[in-house]
């Protein structure tokens, strides 16, 4: 997206409502979806 002309583009990440509130017994999934939220914000910035 940086190299193409015209420059730019859009990235959409599929998070989950688990990025906000976990289900029981979903520690791994919930942790990854919170991480995706941080990654989304960093990419946008």
ModelCIF file with pLDDT and N, C-alpha, C, O atoms, coordinates in Angstrom:
data_MODEL
#
_entry.id   MODEL 
#
_entity.id                         1 
_entity.type                       polymer 
_entity.pdbx_number_of_molecules   1 
#
_entity_poly.entity_id                      1 
_entity_poly.type                           'polypeptide(L)' 
_entity_poly.nstd_linkage                   no 
_entity_poly.nstd_monomer                   no 
_entity_poly.pdbx_seq_one_letter_code       
;(UNK)(UNK)(UNK)(UNK)(UNK)(UNK)(UNK)(UNK)(UNK)(UNK)(UNK)(UNK)(UNK)(UNK)(UNK)(UNK)
(UNK)(UNK)(UNK)(UNK)(UNK)(UNK)(UNK)(UNK)(UNK)(UNK)(UNK)(UNK)(UNK)(UNK)(UNK)(UNK)
(UNK)(UNK)(UNK)(UNK)(UNK)(UNK)(UNK)(UNK)(UNK)(UNK)(UNK)(UNK)(UNK)
;
_entity_poly.pdbx_seq_one_letter_code_can   XXXXXXXXXXXXXXXXXXXXXXXXXXXXXXXXXXXXXXXXXXXXX 
_entity_poly.pdbx_strand_id                 A 
#
loop_
_entity_poly_seq.entity_id 
_entity_poly_seq.num 
_entity_poly_seq.mon_id 
_entity_poly_seq.hetero 
1 1  UNK n 
1 2  UNK n 
1 3  UNK n 
1 4  UNK n 
1 5  UNK n 
1 6  UNK n 
1 7  UNK n 
1 8  UNK n 
1 9  UNK n 
1 10 UNK n 
1 11 UNK n 
1 12 UNK n 
1 13 UNK n 
1 14 UNK n 
1 15 UNK n 
1 16 UNK n 
1 17 UNK n 
1 18 UNK n 
1 19 UNK n 
1 20 UNK n 
1 21 UNK n 
1 22 UNK n 
1 23 UNK n 
1 24 UNK n 
1 25 UNK n 
1 26 UNK n 
1 27 UNK n 
1 28 UNK n 
1 29 UNK n 
1 30 UNK n 
1 31 UNK n 
1 32 UNK n 
1 33 UNK n 
1 34 UNK n 
1 35 UNK n 
1 36 UNK n 
1 37 UNK n 
1 38 UNK n 
1 39 UNK n 
1 40 UNK n 
1 41 UNK n 
1 42 UNK n 
1 43 UNK n 
1 44 UNK n 
1 45 UNK n 
#
_struct_asym.id          A 
_struct_asym.entity_id   1 
#
loop_
_ma_qa_metric.id 
_ma_qa_metric.mode 
_ma_qa_metric.name 
_ma_qa_metric.software_group_id 
_ma_qa_metric.type 
1 global pLDDT . pLDDT 
2 local  pLDDT . pLDDT 
#
_ma_qa_metric_global.metric_id      1 
_ma_qa_metric_global.metric_value   96.49 
_ma_qa_metric_global.model_id       1 
_ma_qa_metric_global.ordinal_id     1 
#
loop_
_ma_qa_metric_local.label_asym_id 
_ma_qa_metric_local.label_comp_id 
_ma_qa_metric_local.label_seq_id 
_ma_qa_metric_local.metric_id 
_ma_qa_metric_local.metric_value 
_ma_qa_metric_local.model_id 
_ma_qa_metric_local.ordinal_id 
A UNK 1  2 98.00 1 1  
A UNK 2  2 98.00 1 2  
A UNK 3  2 98.00 1 3  
A UNK 4  2 97.00 1 4  
A UNK 5  2 96.00 1 5  
A UNK 6  2 96.00 1 6  
A UNK 7  2 97.00 1 7  
A UNK 8  2 98.00 1 8  
A UNK 9  2 98.00 1 9  
A UNK 10 2 98.00 1 10 
A UNK 11 2 98.00 1 11 
A UNK 12 2 98.00 1 12 
A UNK 13 2 98.00 1 13 
A UNK 14 2 98.00 1 14 
A UNK 15 2 96.00 1 15 
A UNK 16 2 95.00 1 16 
A UNK 17 2 94.00 1 17 
A UNK 18 2 93.00 1 18 
A UNK 19 2 94.00 1 19 
A UNK 20 2 93.00 1 20 
A UNK 21 2 91.00 1 21 
A UNK 22 2 91.00 1 22 
A UNK 23 2 90.00 1 23 
A UNK 24 2 93.00 1 24 
A UNK 25 2 94.00 1 25 
A UNK 26 2 95.00 1 26 
A UNK 27 2 96.00 1 27 
A UNK 28 2 97.00 1 28 
A UNK 29 2 97.00 1 29 
A UNK 30 2 97.00 1 30 
A UNK 31 2 98.00 1 31 
A UNK 32 2 98.00 1 32 
A UNK 33 2 98.00 1 33 
A UNK 34 2 98.00 1 34 
A UNK 35 2 98.00 1 35 
A UNK 36 2 98.00 1 36 
A UNK 37 2 98.00 1 37 
A UNK 38 2 98.00 1 38 
A UNK 39 2 98.00 1 39 
A UNK 40 2 98.00 1 40 
A UNK 41 2 98.00 1 41 
A UNK 42 2 98.00 1 42 
A UNK 43 2 98.00 1 43 
A UNK 44 2 98.00 1 44 
A UNK 45 2 98.00 1 45 
#
loop_
_atom_site.group_PDB 
_atom_site.id 
_atom_site.type_symbol 
_atom_site.label_atom_id 
_atom_site.label_alt_id 
_atom_site.label_comp_id 
_atom_site.label_asym_id 
_atom_site.label_entity_id 
_atom_site.label_seq_id 
_atom_site.pdbx_PDB_ins_code 
_atom_site.Cartn_x 
_atom_site.Cartn_y 
_atom_site.Cartn_z 
_atom_site.occupancy 
_atom_site.B_iso_or_equiv 
_atom_site.pdbx_formal_charge 
_atom_site.auth_seq_id 
_atom_site.auth_comp_id 
_atom_site.auth_asym_id 
_atom_site.auth_atom_id 
_atom_site.pdbx_PDB_model_num 
ATOM 1   N N  . UNK A 1 1  ? 0.820   -1.213  0.000  1.00 98.00 ? 1  UNK A N  1 
ATOM 2   C CA . UNK A 1 1  ? 0.000   0.000   0.000  1.00 98.00 ? 1  UNK A CA 1 
ATOM 3   C C  . UNK A 1 1  ? 0.856   1.266   0.000  1.00 98.00 ? 1  UNK A C  1 
ATOM 4   O O  . UNK A 1 1  ? 0.470   2.284   -0.575 1.00 98.00 ? 1  UNK A O  1 
ATOM 5   N N  . UNK A 1 2  ? 2.012   1.198   0.643  1.00 98.00 ? 2  UNK A N  1 
ATOM 6   C CA . UNK A 1 2  ? 2.942   2.324   0.612  1.00 98.00 ? 2  UNK A CA 1 
ATOM 7   C C  . UNK A 1 2  ? 3.549   2.502   -0.780 1.00 98.00 ? 2  UNK A C  1 
ATOM 8   O O  . UNK A 1 2  ? 3.764   3.627   -1.232 1.00 98.00 ? 2  UNK A O  1 
ATOM 9   N N  . UNK A 1 3  ? 3.819   1.396   -1.446 1.00 98.00 ? 3  UNK A N  1 
ATOM 10  C CA . UNK A 1 3  ? 4.555   1.448   -2.715 1.00 98.00 ? 3  UNK A CA 1 
ATOM 11  C C  . UNK A 1 3  ? 3.663   1.715   -3.915 1.00 98.00 ? 3  UNK A C  1 
ATOM 12  O O  . UNK A 1 3  ? 4.145   2.223   -4.927 1.00 98.00 ? 3  UNK A O  1 
ATOM 13  N N  . UNK A 1 4  ? 2.380   1.388   -3.835 1.00 97.00 ? 4  UNK A N  1 
ATOM 14  C CA . UNK A 1 4  ? 1.519   1.488   -5.012 1.00 97.00 ? 4  UNK A CA 1 
ATOM 15  C C  . UNK A 1 4  ? 1.120   2.932   -5.294 1.00 97.00 ? 4  UNK A C  1 
ATOM 16  O O  . UNK A 1 4  ? 1.236   3.804   -4.434 1.00 97.00 ? 4  UNK A O  1 
ATOM 17  N N  . UNK A 1 5  ? 0.653   3.163   -6.498 1.00 96.00 ? 5  UNK A N  1 
ATOM 18  C CA . UNK A 1 5  ? 0.207   4.503   -6.887 1.00 96.00 ? 5  UNK A CA 1 
ATOM 19  C C  . UNK A 1 5  ? -1.179  4.404   -7.516 1.00 96.00 ? 5  UNK A C  1 
ATOM 20  O O  . UNK A 1 5  ? -1.356  3.671   -8.489 1.00 96.00 ? 5  UNK A O  1 
ATOM 21  N N  . UNK A 1 6  ? -2.187  5.139   -6.971 1.00 96.00 ? 6  UNK A N  1 
ATOM 22  C CA . UNK A 1 6  ? -2.068  5.998   -5.800 1.00 96.00 ? 6  UNK A CA 1 
ATOM 23  C C  . UNK A 1 6  ? -1.839  5.200   -4.516 1.00 96.00 ? 6  UNK A C  1 
ATOM 24  O O  . UNK A 1 6  ? -2.281  4.061   -4.365 1.00 96.00 ? 6  UNK A O  1 
ATOM 25  N N  . UNK A 1 7  ? -1.126  5.858   -3.602 1.00 97.00 ? 7  UNK A N  1 
ATOM 26  C CA . UNK A 1 7  ? -0.739  5.228   -2.352 1.00 97.00 ? 7  UNK A CA 1 
ATOM 27  C C  . UNK A 1 7  ? -1.948  5.065   -1.426 1.00 97.00 ? 7  UNK A C  1 
ATOM 28  O O  . UNK A 1 7  ? -2.913  5.825   -1.506 1.00 97.00 ? 7  UNK A O  1 
ATOM 29  N N  . UNK A 1 8  ? -1.876  4.063   -0.547 1.00 98.00 ? 8  UNK A N  1 
ATOM 30  C CA . UNK A 1 8  ? -2.887  3.932   0.493  1.00 98.00 ? 8  UNK A CA 1 
ATOM 31  C C  . UNK A 1 8  ? -3.721  2.679   0.380  1.00 98.00 ? 8  UNK A C  1 
ATOM 32  O O  . UNK A 1 8  ? -3.560  1.880   -0.543 1.00 98.00 ? 8  UNK A O  1 
ATOM 33  N N  . UNK A 1 9  ? -4.624  2.522   1.344  1.00 98.00 ? 9  UNK A N  1 
ATOM 34  C CA . UNK A 1 9  ? -5.502  1.361   1.386  1.00 98.00 ? 9  UNK A CA 1 
ATOM 35  C C  . UNK A 1 9  ? -6.135  1.230   2.756  1.00 98.00 ? 9  UNK A C  1 
ATOM 36  O O  . UNK A 1 9  ? -6.024  2.119   3.601  1.00 98.00 ? 9  UNK A O  1 
ATOM 37  N N  . UNK A 1 10 ? -6.797  0.111   2.959  1.00 98.00 ? 10 UNK A N  1 
ATOM 38  C CA . UNK A 1 10 ? -7.554  -0.092  4.206  1.00 98.00 ? 10 UNK A CA 1 
ATOM 39  C C  . UNK A 1 10 ? -7.369  -1.525  4.689  1.00 98.00 ? 10 UNK A C  1 
ATOM 40  O O  . UNK A 1 10 ? -7.444  -2.477  3.912  1.00 98.00 ? 10 UNK A O  1 
ATOM 41  N N  . UNK A 1 11 ? -7.127  -1.656  5.989  1.00 98.00 ? 11 UNK A N  1 
ATOM 42  C CA . UNK A 1 11 ? -7.023  -2.970  6.622  1.00 98.00 ? 11 UNK A CA 1 
ATOM 43  C C  . UNK A 1 11 ? -8.157  -3.090  7.633  1.00 98.00 ? 11 UNK A C  1 
ATOM 44  O O  . UNK A 1 11 ? -8.387  -2.188  8.438  1.00 98.00 ? 11 UNK A O  1 
ATOM 45  N N  . UNK A 1 12 ? -8.865  -4.222  7.578  1.00 98.00 ? 12 UNK A N  1 
ATOM 46  C CA . UNK A 1 12 ? -9.947  -4.503  8.520  1.00 98.00 ? 12 UNK A CA 1 
ATOM 47  C C  . UNK A 1 12 ? -9.593  -5.792  9.252  1.00 98.00 ? 12 UNK A C  1 
ATOM 48  O O  . UNK A 1 12 ? -9.397  -6.835  8.630  1.00 98.00 ? 12 UNK A O  1 
ATOM 49  N N  . UNK A 1 13 ? -9.513  -5.712  10.561 1.00 98.00 ? 13 UNK A N  1 
ATOM 50  C CA . UNK A 1 13 ? -9.189  -6.890  11.362 1.00 98.00 ? 13 UNK A CA 1 
ATOM 51  C C  . UNK A 1 13 ? -10.447 -7.464  11.997 1.00 98.00 ? 13 UNK A C  1 
ATOM 52  O O  . UNK A 1 13 ? -11.269 -6.737  12.554 1.00 98.00 ? 13 UNK A O  1 
ATOM 53  N N  . UNK A 1 14 ? -10.579 -8.773  11.904 1.00 98.00 ? 14 UNK A N  1 
ATOM 54  C CA . UNK A 1 14 ? -11.691 -9.461  12.557 1.00 98.00 ? 14 UNK A CA 1 
ATOM 55  C C  . UNK A 1 14 ? -11.287 -9.742  13.993 1.00 98.00 ? 14 UNK A C  1 
ATOM 56  O O  . UNK A 1 14 ? -10.483 -10.635 14.261 1.00 98.00 ? 14 UNK A O  1 
ATOM 57  N N  . UNK A 1 15 ? -11.853 -8.973  14.913 1.00 96.00 ? 15 UNK A N  1 
ATOM 58  C CA . UNK A 1 15 ? -11.592 -9.214  16.330 1.00 96.00 ? 15 UNK A CA 1 
ATOM 59  C C  . UNK A 1 15 ? -12.606 -10.215 16.848 1.00 96.00 ? 15 UNK A C  1 
ATOM 60  O O  . UNK A 1 15 ? -12.694 -11.342 16.362 1.00 96.00 ? 15 UNK A O  1 
ATOM 61  N N  . UNK A 1 16 ? -13.367 -9.787  17.839 1.00 95.00 ? 16 UNK A N  1 
ATOM 62  C CA . UNK A 1 16 ? -14.413 -10.626 18.424 1.00 95.00 ? 16 UNK A CA 1 
ATOM 63  C C  . UNK A 1 16 ? -14.993 -9.833  19.577 1.00 95.00 ? 16 UNK A C  1 
ATOM 64  O O  . UNK A 1 16 ? -14.341 -8.922  20.087 1.00 95.00 ? 16 UNK A O  1 
ATOM 65  N N  . UNK A 1 17 ? -16.208 -10.161 20.000 1.00 94.00 ? 17 UNK A N  1 
ATOM 66  C CA . UNK A 1 17 ? -16.677 -9.542  21.242 1.00 94.00 ? 17 UNK A CA 1 
ATOM 67  C C  . UNK A 1 17 ? -15.804 -9.995  22.410 1.00 94.00 ? 17 UNK A C  1 
ATOM 68  O O  . UNK A 1 17 ? -15.841 -9.388  23.480 1.00 94.00 ? 17 UNK A O  1 
ATOM 69  N N  . UNK A 1 18 ? -15.020 -11.054 22.213 1.00 93.00 ? 18 UNK A N  1 
ATOM 70  C CA . UNK A 1 18 ? -14.062 -11.467 23.242 1.00 93.00 ? 18 UNK A CA 1 
ATOM 71  C C  . UNK A 1 18 ? -12.917 -10.477 23.383 1.00 93.00 ? 18 UNK A C  1 
ATOM 72  O O  . UNK A 1 18 ? -12.145 -10.566 24.337 1.00 93.00 ? 18 UNK A O  1 
ATOM 73  N N  . UNK A 1 19 ? -12.790 -9.527  22.445 1.00 94.00 ? 19 UNK A N  1 
ATOM 74  C CA . UNK A 1 19 ? -11.837 -8.431  22.615 1.00 94.00 ? 19 UNK A CA 1 
ATOM 75  C C  . UNK A 1 19 ? -12.330 -7.447  23.663 1.00 94.00 ? 19 UNK A C  1 
ATOM 76  O O  . UNK A 1 19 ? -11.586 -6.562  24.085 1.00 94.00 ? 19 UNK A O  1 
ATOM 77  N N  . UNK A 1 20 ? -13.587 -7.597  24.088 1.00 93.00 ? 20 UNK A N  1 
ATOM 78  C CA . UNK A 1 20 ? -14.180 -6.744  25.113 1.00 93.00 ? 20 UNK A CA 1 
ATOM 79  C C  . UNK A 1 20 ? -14.484 -7.531  26.378 1.00 93.00 ? 20 UNK A C  1 
ATOM 80  O O  . UNK A 1 20 ? -14.130 -7.109  27.479 1.00 93.00 ? 20 UNK A O  1 
ATOM 81  N N  . UNK A 1 21 ? -15.146 -8.685  26.219 1.00 91.00 ? 21 UNK A N  1 
ATOM 82  C CA . UNK A 1 21 ? -15.600 -9.494  27.351 1.00 91.00 ? 21 UNK A CA 1 
ATOM 83  C C  . UNK A 1 21 ? -15.368 -10.967 27.032 1.00 91.00 ? 21 UNK A C  1 
ATOM 84  O O  . UNK A 1 21 ? -15.830 -11.436 25.991 1.00 91.00 ? 21 UNK A O  1 
ATOM 85  N N  . UNK A 1 22 ? -14.674 -11.709 27.881 1.00 91.00 ? 22 UNK A N  1 
ATOM 86  C CA . UNK A 1 22 ? -14.360 -13.099 27.549 1.00 91.00 ? 22 UNK A CA 1 
ATOM 87  C C  . UNK A 1 22 ? -15.512 -14.054 27.823 1.00 91.00 ? 22 UNK A C  1 
ATOM 88  O O  . UNK A 1 22 ? -16.391 -13.775 28.639 1.00 91.00 ? 22 UNK A O  1 
ATOM 89  N N  . UNK A 1 23 ? -15.492 -15.165 27.139 1.00 90.00 ? 23 UNK A N  1 
ATOM 90  C CA . UNK A 1 23 ? -16.281 -16.316 27.548 1.00 90.00 ? 23 UNK A CA 1 
ATOM 91  C C  . UNK A 1 23 ? -15.503 -17.059 28.623 1.00 90.00 ? 23 UNK A C  1 
ATOM 92  O O  . UNK A 1 23 ? -14.286 -16.902 28.730 1.00 90.00 ? 23 UNK A O  1 
ATOM 93  N N  . UNK A 1 24 ? -16.200 -17.871 29.426 1.00 93.00 ? 24 UNK A N  1 
ATOM 94  C CA . UNK A 1 24 ? -15.469 -18.715 30.373 1.00 93.00 ? 24 UNK A CA 1 
ATOM 95  C C  . UNK A 1 24 ? -14.522 -19.667 29.639 1.00 93.00 ? 24 UNK A C  1 
ATOM 96  O O  . UNK A 1 24 ? -14.833 -20.153 28.552 1.00 93.00 ? 24 UNK A O  1 
ATOM 97  N N  . UNK A 1 25 ? -13.396 -19.917 30.233 1.00 94.00 ? 25 UNK A N  1 
ATOM 98  C CA . UNK A 1 25 ? -12.420 -20.916 29.763 1.00 94.00 ? 25 UNK A CA 1 
ATOM 99  C C  . UNK A 1 25 ? -11.904 -20.594 28.350 1.00 94.00 ? 25 UNK A C  1 
ATOM 100 O O  . UNK A 1 25 ? -11.731 -21.492 27.525 1.00 94.00 ? 25 UNK A O  1 
ATOM 101 N N  . UNK A 1 26 ? -11.662 -19.307 28.084 1.00 95.00 ? 26 UNK A N  1 
ATOM 102 C CA . UNK A 1 26 ? -11.191 -18.903 26.752 1.00 95.00 ? 26 UNK A CA 1 
ATOM 103 C C  . UNK A 1 26 ? -9.973  -18.001 26.846 1.00 95.00 ? 26 UNK A C  1 
ATOM 104 O O  . UNK A 1 26 ? -9.854  -17.039 26.087 1.00 95.00 ? 26 UNK A O  1 
ATOM 105 N N  . UNK A 1 27 ? -9.059  -18.304 27.774 1.00 96.00 ? 27 UNK A N  1 
ATOM 106 C CA . UNK A 1 27 ? -7.936  -17.407 28.042 1.00 96.00 ? 27 UNK A CA 1 
ATOM 107 C C  . UNK A 1 27 ? -7.088  -17.158 26.786 1.00 96.00 ? 27 UNK A C  1 
ATOM 108 O O  . UNK A 1 27 ? -6.713  -16.017 26.513 1.00 96.00 ? 27 UNK A O  1 
ATOM 109 N N  . UNK A 1 28 ? -6.787  -18.203 26.030 1.00 97.00 ? 28 UNK A N  1 
ATOM 110 C CA . UNK A 1 28 ? -5.913  -18.041 24.871 1.00 97.00 ? 28 UNK A CA 1 
ATOM 111 C C  . UNK A 1 28 ? -6.598  -17.186 23.802 1.00 97.00 ? 28 UNK A C  1 
ATOM 112 O O  . UNK A 1 28 ? -6.015  -16.225 23.300 1.00 97.00 ? 28 UNK A O  1 
ATOM 113 N N  . UNK A 1 29 ? -7.819  -17.538 23.464 1.00 97.00 ? 29 UNK A N  1 
ATOM 114 C CA . UNK A 1 29 ? -8.556  -16.790 22.439 1.00 97.00 ? 29 UNK A CA 1 
ATOM 115 C C  . UNK A 1 29 ? -8.745  -15.336 22.850 1.00 97.00 ? 29 UNK A C  1 
ATOM 116 O O  . UNK A 1 29 ? -8.523  -14.428 22.050 1.00 97.00 ? 29 UNK A O  1 
ATOM 117 N N  . UNK A 1 30 ? -9.154  -15.116 24.095 1.00 97.00 ? 30 UNK A N  1 
ATOM 118 C CA . UNK A 1 30 ? -9.400  -13.760 24.571 1.00 97.00 ? 30 UNK A CA 1 
ATOM 119 C C  . UNK A 1 30 ? -8.124  -12.920 24.530 1.00 97.00 ? 30 UNK A C  1 
ATOM 120 O O  . UNK A 1 30 ? -8.153  -11.760 24.120 1.00 97.00 ? 30 UNK A O  1 
ATOM 121 N N  . UNK A 1 31 ? -7.019  -13.500 24.949 1.00 98.00 ? 31 UNK A N  1 
ATOM 122 C CA . UNK A 1 31 ? -5.752  -12.770 24.931 1.00 98.00 ? 31 UNK A CA 1 
ATOM 123 C C  . UNK A 1 31 ? -5.375  -12.364 23.508 1.00 98.00 ? 31 UNK A C  1 
ATOM 124 O O  . UNK A 1 31 ? -4.904  -11.249 23.283 1.00 98.00 ? 31 UNK A O  1 
ATOM 125 N N  . UNK A 1 32 ? -5.579  -13.264 22.553 1.00 98.00 ? 32 UNK A N  1 
ATOM 126 C CA . UNK A 1 32 ? -5.216  -12.937 21.169 1.00 98.00 ? 32 UNK A CA 1 
ATOM 127 C C  . UNK A 1 32 ? -6.105  -11.836 20.612 1.00 98.00 ? 32 UNK A C  1 
ATOM 128 O O  . UNK A 1 32 ? -5.632  -10.981 19.865 1.00 98.00 ? 32 UNK A O  1 
ATOM 129 N N  . UNK A 1 33 ? -7.373  -11.846 20.962 1.00 98.00 ? 33 UNK A N  1 
ATOM 130 C CA . UNK A 1 33 ? -8.271  -10.829 20.410 1.00 98.00 ? 33 UNK A CA 1 
ATOM 131 C C  . UNK A 1 33 ? -8.030  -9.457  21.041 1.00 98.00 ? 33 UNK A C  1 
ATOM 132 O O  . UNK A 1 33 ? -8.221  -8.437  20.378 1.00 98.00 ? 33 UNK A O  1 
ATOM 133 N N  . UNK A 1 34 ? -7.616  -9.414  22.305 1.00 98.00 ? 34 UNK A N  1 
ATOM 134 C CA . UNK A 1 34 ? -7.172  -8.147  22.875 1.00 98.00 ? 34 UNK A CA 1 
ATOM 135 C C  . UNK A 1 34 ? -5.905  -7.669  22.165 1.00 98.00 ? 34 UNK A C  1 
ATOM 136 O O  . UNK A 1 34 ? -5.731  -6.471  21.942 1.00 98.00 ? 34 UNK A O  1 
ATOM 137 N N  . UNK A 1 35 ? -5.035  -8.592  21.815 1.00 98.00 ? 35 UNK A N  1 
ATOM 138 C CA . UNK A 1 35 ? -3.820  -8.221  21.090 1.00 98.00 ? 35 UNK A CA 1 
ATOM 139 C C  . UNK A 1 35 ? -4.149  -7.654  19.711 1.00 98.00 ? 35 UNK A C  1 
ATOM 140 O O  . UNK A 1 35 ? -3.513  -6.701  19.261 1.00 98.00 ? 35 UNK A O  1 
ATOM 141 N N  . UNK A 1 36 ? -5.138  -8.236  19.045 1.00 98.00 ? 36 UNK A N  1 
ATOM 142 C CA . UNK A 1 36 ? -5.549  -7.726  17.737 1.00 98.00 ? 36 UNK A CA 1 
ATOM 143 C C  . UNK A 1 36 ? -6.028  -6.280  17.845 1.00 98.00 ? 36 UNK A C  1 
ATOM 144 O O  . UNK A 1 36 ? -5.766  -5.470  16.956 1.00 98.00 ? 36 UNK A O  1 
ATOM 145 N N  . UNK A 1 37 ? -6.731  -5.954  18.935 1.00 98.00 ? 37 UNK A N  1 
ATOM 146 C CA . UNK A 1 37 ? -7.182  -4.573  19.129 1.00 98.00 ? 37 UNK A CA 1 
ATOM 147 C C  . UNK A 1 37 ? -5.995  -3.614  19.204 1.00 98.00 ? 37 UNK A C  1 
ATOM 148 O O  . UNK A 1 37 ? -6.017  -2.553  18.580 1.00 98.00 ? 37 UNK A O  1 
ATOM 149 N N  . UNK A 1 38 ? -4.962  -3.977  19.960 1.00 98.00 ? 38 UNK A N  1 
ATOM 150 C CA . UNK A 1 38 ? -3.773  -3.143  20.036 1.00 98.00 ? 38 UNK A CA 1 
ATOM 151 C C  . UNK A 1 38 ? -3.078  -3.015  18.701 1.00 98.00 ? 38 UNK A C  1 
ATOM 152 O O  . UNK A 1 38 ? -2.611  -1.937  18.333 1.00 98.00 ? 38 UNK A O  1 
ATOM 153 N N  . UNK A 1 39 ? -3.009  -4.121  17.976 1.00 98.00 ? 39 UNK A N  1 
ATOM 154 C CA . UNK A 1 39 ? -2.388  -4.106  16.656 1.00 98.00 ? 39 UNK A CA 1 
ATOM 155 C C  . UNK A 1 39 ? -3.168  -3.215  15.699 1.00 98.00 ? 39 UNK A C  1 
ATOM 156 O O  . UNK A 1 39 ? -2.578  -2.480  14.907 1.00 98.00 ? 39 UNK A O  1 
ATOM 157 N N  . UNK A 1 40 ? -4.483  -3.281  15.770 1.00 98.00 ? 40 UNK A N  1 
ATOM 158 C CA . UNK A 1 40 ? -5.333  -2.436  14.921 1.00 98.00 ? 40 UNK A CA 1 
ATOM 159 C C  . UNK A 1 40 ? -5.032  -0.960  15.152 1.00 98.00 ? 40 UNK A C  1 
ATOM 160 O O  . UNK A 1 40 ? -4.866  -0.202  14.197 1.00 98.00 ? 40 UNK A O  1 
ATOM 161 N N  . UNK A 1 41 ? -4.963  -0.555  16.402 1.00 98.00 ? 41 UNK A N  1 
ATOM 162 C CA . UNK A 1 41 ? -4.713  0.846   16.730 1.00 98.00 ? 41 UNK A CA 1 
ATOM 163 C C  . UNK A 1 41 ? -3.335  1.288   16.269 1.00 98.00 ? 41 UNK A C  1 
ATOM 164 O O  . UNK A 1 41 ? -3.168  2.408   15.785 1.00 98.00 ? 41 UNK A O  1 
ATOM 165 N N  . UNK A 1 42 ? -2.341  0.405   16.417 1.00 98.00 ? 42 UNK A N  1 
ATOM 166 C CA . UNK A 1 42 ? -0.984  0.755   16.012 1.00 98.00 ? 42 UNK A CA 1 
ATOM 167 C C  . UNK A 1 42 ? -0.866  0.878   14.496 1.00 98.00 ? 42 UNK A C  1 
ATOM 168 O O  . UNK A 1 42 ? -0.214  1.794   13.996 1.00 98.00 ? 42 UNK A O  1 
ATOM 169 N N  . UNK A 1 43 ? -1.492  -0.037  13.768 1.00 98.00 ? 43 UNK A N  1 
ATOM 170 C CA . UNK A 1 43 ? -1.451  0.025   12.299 1.00 98.00 ? 43 UNK A CA 1 
ATOM 171 C C  . UNK A 1 43 ? -2.115  1.298   11.807 1.00 98.00 ? 43 UNK A C  1 
ATOM 172 O O  . UNK A 1 43 ? -1.600  1.966   10.911 1.00 98.00 ? 43 UNK A O  1 
ATOM 173 N N  . UNK A 1 44 ? -3.258  1.637   12.390 1.00 98.00 ? 44 UNK A N  1 
ATOM 174 C CA . UNK A 1 44 ? -3.964  2.839   11.967 1.00 98.00 ? 44 UNK A CA 1 
ATOM 175 C C  . UNK A 1 44 ? -3.129  4.093   12.232 1.00 98.00 ? 44 UNK A C  1 
ATOM 176 O O  . UNK A 1 44 ? -3.089  5.002   11.404 1.00 98.00 ? 44 UNK A O  1 
ATOM 177 N N  . UNK A 1 45 ? -2.474  4.136   13.371 1.00 98.00 ? 45 UNK A N  1 
ATOM 178 C CA . UNK A 1 45 ? -1.632  5.287   13.708 1.00 98.00 ? 45 UNK A CA 1 
ATOM 179 C C  . UNK A 1 45 ? -0.442  5.396   12.759 1.00 98.00 ? 45 UNK A C  1 
ATOM 180 O O  . UNK A 1 45 ? 0.374   6.308   12.893 1.00 98.00 ? 45 UNK A O  1 
#
